[in-house]
Amino acid sequence: MKNRYEKILLCPLFKGIKHEELPHLLHCIKANYHTYFKNDIIFMQDDTIHEIGVILSGSIDIAKEDYVGNKVIVNRLSAGDLFAEVFVCSGKNISPVTVFSHGDSEIMFIDFYQLVGICEHSCTFHKKLISNMMTILANKTLVMNEKMEYLTKKTIEQKLGIYLVNQIRKNANLSFTIPFNRYELAEYLHSNRSALSRVLSSLQEKGILTYKKNTFTIISPKRLYELYLES
């Protein structure tokens, strides 16, 4: 249990919460735990949901499916991340996406209404949780705006260029590892995998970057910006 508490406190939702507060807090918000294996469905598109998920270990994929079953990965989340909070907070409670486990994972689910509602025990930590949730929702909005930026670009070069520059900013480093393999990255950027691989090879030949699998080193961020972000 101690190890689980340490994982929970890594989540931004519980920022400012003390270790000794957790047992009462988790009981109050009706926390429950589930283990999933690779490709297990956590919930399907159009399912009704009432709980927020917190990833304690492993990672999950969020995917959008069309009417004929084609799937596009919208995002990949890892330990410490929340999911489903936007859908539940909206009050609609109908999931527009399918969520499945990328590998083995442990998920904690919490009751949203217990989290934000008036507590009959006047628990002091509710104010902290609500404030943290507002910050998380604001950050999710920024991420969605970033995703829209990819979708508005016409060429793979522009989409990839913006994605790589954003990774530099997020990691504060010219070397970083992304959470996607080549096929998944193409899906995320709504691009063709073969065309994406050709662009990456071209960037490497021009001395703009080097890469091995999903680890990248940007040699010339200025040229990356000039070639693709100002076009």
Foldseek 3Di string as FASTA:
>chain_A
DLLQLVLQCLALLCPPPDSVCPVVVCVLQVKDKDKAFAFAWPDAAFDFDFKKKAWSAAKKWKWAADPVGDIFTQDMGGRNDIPPPVVNVVVPRGHRIIMGGNGITMMMIGGPCSLQDDGPVNDPCSVSSVVSVVVNVVVVVVVVVLLVLLVVDDDLLQNVLSVLVVVCVVVVAQKDFDPDFLVNVCSNSVHDSVVNVVSVVVCVVVVQWDDDGRIIGGPNNPVSCVVHVVD
